[in-house]
Amino acid sequence: MKLSPVTVAVVVKNLKAARKFYTQKLGLKVLDDMEHWLTVGADKNGMRIHLCEMKPQEKGNTGILFAVDEKTDKAYAALKKKGVKFTVPPTQHEWGMECRFVDPDGNEFWLMGK
């Protein structure tokens, strides 16, 4: 299983203003634009910034998403077998399946597969 960091969440006060800054000032492209899923970056194959218009992240939530090169539930089972603690089991959403795990210090990470 190959684990790769894909997105980092950045909390913003105004999504419209943030979009303008990241695209017009920094020259990044809008890569995904859904109701609560606006990501910007250089291209689809690189790291993306997930712009979140909301209060600060929940305690422990790093806002970092890892992608795996297999199905989410398969990666979940393999990591759980290795002793990785999960806070959210594989859950299907309209945008895909995700789960969440924590490191030894309680920092929470998102995991999403194919």
C-alpha atoms as a PDB file:
ATOM      1  CA  MET A   1       0.000   0.000   0.000  1.00  0.00           C
ATOM      2  CA  LYS A   2       1.346   3.415  -0.989  1.00  0.00           C
ATOM      3  CA  LEU A   3       0.303   6.263   1.342  1.00  0.00           C
ATOM      4  CA  SER A   4       0.625   9.810  -0.035  1.00  0.00           C
ATOM      5  CA  PRO A   5      -0.325  13.188   1.461  1.00  0.00           C
ATOM      6  CA  VAL A   6      -2.824  14.831  -0.891  1.00  0.00           C
ATOM      7  CA  THR A   7      -4.521  17.821   0.748  1.00  0.00           C
ATOM      8  CA  VAL A   8      -3.936  20.163   3.634  1.00  0.00           C
ATOM      9  CA  ALA A   9      -6.917  22.093   5.002  1.00  0.00           C
ATOM     10  CA  VAL A  10      -6.622  25.835   5.524  1.00  0.00           C
ATOM     11  CA  VAL A  11      -9.395  27.516   7.504  1.00  0.00           C
ATOM     12  CA  VAL A  12     -10.491  30.810   5.900  1.00  0.00           C
ATOM     13  CA  LYS A  13     -12.951  33.511   6.989  1.00  0.00           C
ATOM     14  CA  ASN A  14     -14.311  34.204   3.502  1.00  0.00           C
ATOM     15  CA  LEU A  15     -14.162  31.499   0.847  1.00  0.00           C
ATOM     16  CA  LYS A  16     -14.791  33.901  -2.039  1.00  0.00           C
ATOM     17  CA  ALA A  17     -11.913  36.158  -0.966  1.00  0.00           C
ATOM     18  CA  ALA A  18      -9.636  33.169  -0.346  1.00  0.00           C
ATOM     19  CA  ARG A  19     -10.425  31.735  -3.792  1.00  0.00           C
ATOM     20  CA  LYS A  20      -9.533  35.071  -5.394  1.00  0.00           C
ATOM     21  CA  PHE A  21      -6.260  35.306  -3.432  1.00  0.00           C
ATOM     22  CA  TYR A  22      -5.053  31.768  -4.154  1.00  0.00           C
ATOM     23  CA  THR A  23      -5.976  31.878  -7.847  1.00  0.00           C
ATOM     24  CA  GLN A  24      -5.389  35.490  -8.875  1.00  0.00           C
ATOM     25  CA  LYS A  25      -2.514  36.429  -6.573  1.00  0.00           C
ATOM     26  CA  LEU A  26      -0.705  33.080  -6.214  1.00  0.00           C
ATOM     27  CA  GLY A  27      -1.633  31.682  -9.625  1.00  0.00           C
ATOM     28  CA  LEU A  28      -3.015  28.355  -8.383  1.00  0.00           C
ATOM     29  CA  LYS A  29      -5.851  26.581 -10.192  1.00  0.00           C
ATOM     30  CA  VAL A  30      -9.197  25.538  -8.742  1.00  0.00           C
ATOM     31  CA  LEU A  31      -9.016  21.735  -8.869  1.00  0.00           C
ATOM     32  CA  ASP A  32     -12.249  20.749  -7.077  1.00  0.00           C
ATOM     33  CA  ASP A  33     -15.246  22.994  -6.453  1.00  0.00           C
ATOM     34  CA  MET A  34     -18.134  21.437  -4.550  1.00  0.00           C
ATOM     35  CA  GLU A  35     -20.407  22.759  -1.820  1.00  0.00           C
ATOM     36  CA  HIS A  36     -17.788  22.363   0.931  1.00  0.00           C
ATOM     37  CA  TRP A  37     -14.851  21.110  -1.074  1.00  0.00           C
ATOM     38  CA  LEU A  38     -12.816  23.813  -2.780  1.00  0.00           C
ATOM     39  CA  THR A  39      -9.255  22.766  -3.474  1.00  0.00           C
ATOM     40  CA  VAL A  40      -6.526  24.717  -5.233  1.00  0.00           C
ATOM     41  CA  GLY A  41      -3.106  23.658  -6.451  1.00  0.00           C
ATOM     42  CA  ALA A  42      -0.711  23.615  -9.366  1.00  0.00           C
ATOM     43  CA  ASP A  43      -2.244  20.484 -10.924  1.00  0.00           C
ATOM     44  CA  LYS A  44      -4.325  17.387 -10.081  1.00  0.00           C
ATOM     45  CA  ASN A  45      -1.226  15.246  -9.478  1.00  0.00           C
ATOM     46  CA  GLY A  46       0.320  17.419  -6.776  1.00  0.00           C
ATOM     47  CA  MET A  47      -0.487  18.597  -3.274  1.00  0.00           C
ATOM     48  CA  ARG A  48      -3.761  20.518  -2.932  1.00  0.00           C
ATOM     49  CA  ILE A  49      -4.906  23.103  -0.417  1.00  0.00           C
ATOM     50  CA  HIS A  50      -8.453  22.487   0.805  1.00  0.00           C
ATOM     51  CA  LEU A  51      -9.945  25.905   1.612  1.00  0.00           C
ATOM     52  CA  CYS A  52     -12.464  25.547   4.463  1.00  0.00           C
ATOM     53  CA  GLU A  53     -14.778  28.421   5.339  1.00  0.00           C
ATOM     54  CA  MET A  54     -15.544  27.541   8.951  1.00  0.00           C
ATOM     55  CA  LYS A  55     -14.476  27.802  12.548  1.00  0.00           C
ATOM     56  CA  PRO A  56     -11.014  26.460  13.407  1.00  0.00           C
ATOM     57  CA  GLN A  57     -10.550  22.722  12.954  1.00  0.00           C
ATOM     58  CA  GLU A  58     -11.887  20.472  15.683  1.00  0.00           C
ATOM     59  CA  LYS A  59      -9.390  19.650  18.420  1.00  0.00           C
ATOM     60  CA  GLY A  60      -6.862  17.154  17.085  1.00  0.00           C
ATOM     61  CA  ASN A  61      -7.975  17.451  13.425  1.00  0.00           C
ATOM     62  CA  THR A  62      -4.878  18.292  11.387  1.00  0.00           C
ATOM     63  CA  GLY A  63      -6.809  18.855   8.160  1.00  0.00           C
ATOM     64  CA  ILE A  64      -4.315  16.598   6.376  1.00  0.00           C
ATOM     65  CA  LEU A  65      -5.660  13.981   3.965  1.00  0.00           C
ATOM     66  CA  PHE A  66      -3.662  10.944   2.874  1.00  0.00           C
ATOM     67  CA  ALA A  67      -4.551   9.019  -0.282  1.00  0.00           C
ATOM     68  CA  VAL A  68      -3.888   5.324  -0.777  1.00  0.00           C
ATOM     69  CA  ASP A  69      -3.525   3.430  -4.031  1.00  0.00           C
ATOM     70  CA  GLU A  70      -6.243   0.922  -3.089  1.00  0.00           C
ATOM     71  CA  LYS A  71      -9.804   0.921  -1.772  1.00  0.00           C
ATOM     72  CA  THR A  72     -10.326   2.798   1.496  1.00  0.00           C
ATOM     73  CA  ASP A  73     -11.753  -0.186   3.367  1.00  0.00           C
ATOM     74  CA  LYS A  74      -8.831  -2.400   2.314  1.00  0.00           C
ATOM     75  CA  ALA A  75      -6.288   0.181   3.538  1.00  0.00           C
ATOM     76  CA  TYR A  76      -8.312   0.598   6.739  1.00  0.00           C
ATOM     77  CA  ALA A  77      -8.146  -3.165   7.419  1.00  0.00           C
ATOM     78  CA  ALA A  78      -4.392  -3.321   6.707  1.00  0.00           C
ATOM     79  CA  LEU A  79      -3.568  -0.346   8.928  1.00  0.00           C
ATOM     80  CA  LYS A  80      -5.885  -1.496  11.710  1.00  0.00           C
ATOM     81  CA  LYS A  81      -4.127  -4.870  11.660  1.00  0.00           C
ATOM     82  CA  LYS A  82      -0.849  -2.983  12.249  1.00  0.00           C
ATOM     83  CA  GLY A  83      -2.348  -1.333  15.334  1.00  0.00           C
ATOM     84  CA  VAL A  84      -3.327   2.042  13.864  1.00  0.00           C
ATOM     85  CA  LYS A  85      -6.183   3.544  15.899  1.00  0.00           C
ATOM     86  CA  PHE A  86      -9.144   4.878  13.905  1.00  0.00           C
ATOM     87  CA  THR A  87     -11.574   7.554  15.094  1.00  0.00           C
ATOM     88  CA  VAL A  88     -13.929   7.150  12.113  1.00  0.00           C
ATOM     89  CA  PRO A  89     -14.373   3.843  10.246  1.00  0.00           C
ATOM     90  CA  PRO A  90     -14.711   3.800   6.438  1.00  0.00           C
ATOM     91  CA  THR A  91     -17.699   6.006   5.646  1.00  0.00           C
ATOM     92  CA  GLN A  92     -19.230   6.551   2.208  1.00  0.00           C
ATOM     93  CA  HIS A  93     -20.002  10.146   1.160  1.00  0.00           C
ATOM     94  CA  GLU A  94     -21.174  11.627  -2.136  1.00  0.00           C
ATOM     95  CA  TRP A  95     -17.548  12.602  -2.858  1.00  0.00           C
ATOM     96  CA  GLY A  96     -16.005   9.256  -1.892  1.00  0.00           C
ATOM     97  CA  MET A  97     -15.193   6.941   1.006  1.00  0.00           C
ATOM     98  CA  GLU A  98     -13.015   8.143   3.870  1.00  0.00           C
ATOM     99  CA  CYS A  99     -11.910   7.135   7.334  1.00  0.00           C
ATOM    100  CA  ARG A 100      -9.822   8.877   9.986  1.00  0.00           C
ATOM    101  CA  PHE A 101      -6.951   7.733  12.173  1.00  0.00           C
ATOM    102  CA  VAL A 102      -4.804   9.209  14.927  1.00  0.00           C
ATOM    103  CA  ASP A 103      -1.099   9.195  15.635  1.00  0.00           C
ATOM    104  CA  PRO A 104       0.261   8.467  19.154  1.00  0.00           C
ATOM    105  CA  ASP A 105      -0.234  12.143  20.122  1.00  0.00           C
ATOM    106  CA  GLY A 106      -3.906  12.236  19.123  1.00  0.00           C
ATOM    107  CA  ASN A 107      -3.415  14.147  15.865  1.00  0.00           C
ATOM    108  CA  GLU A 108      -6.192  13.093  13.492  1.00  0.00           C
ATOM    109  CA  PHE A 109      -5.609  12.409   9.771  1.00  0.00           C
ATOM    110  CA  TRP A 110      -8.026  11.642   6.934  1.00  0.00           C
ATOM    111  CA  LEU A 111      -7.518   8.605   4.690  1.00  0.00           C
ATOM    112  CA  MET A 112      -9.115   8.152   1.286  1.00  0.00           C
ATOM    113  CA  GLY A 113      -8.604   5.431  -1.304  1.00  0.00           C
ATOM    114  CA  LYS A 114      -9.691   4.709  -4.827  1.00  0.00           C
END
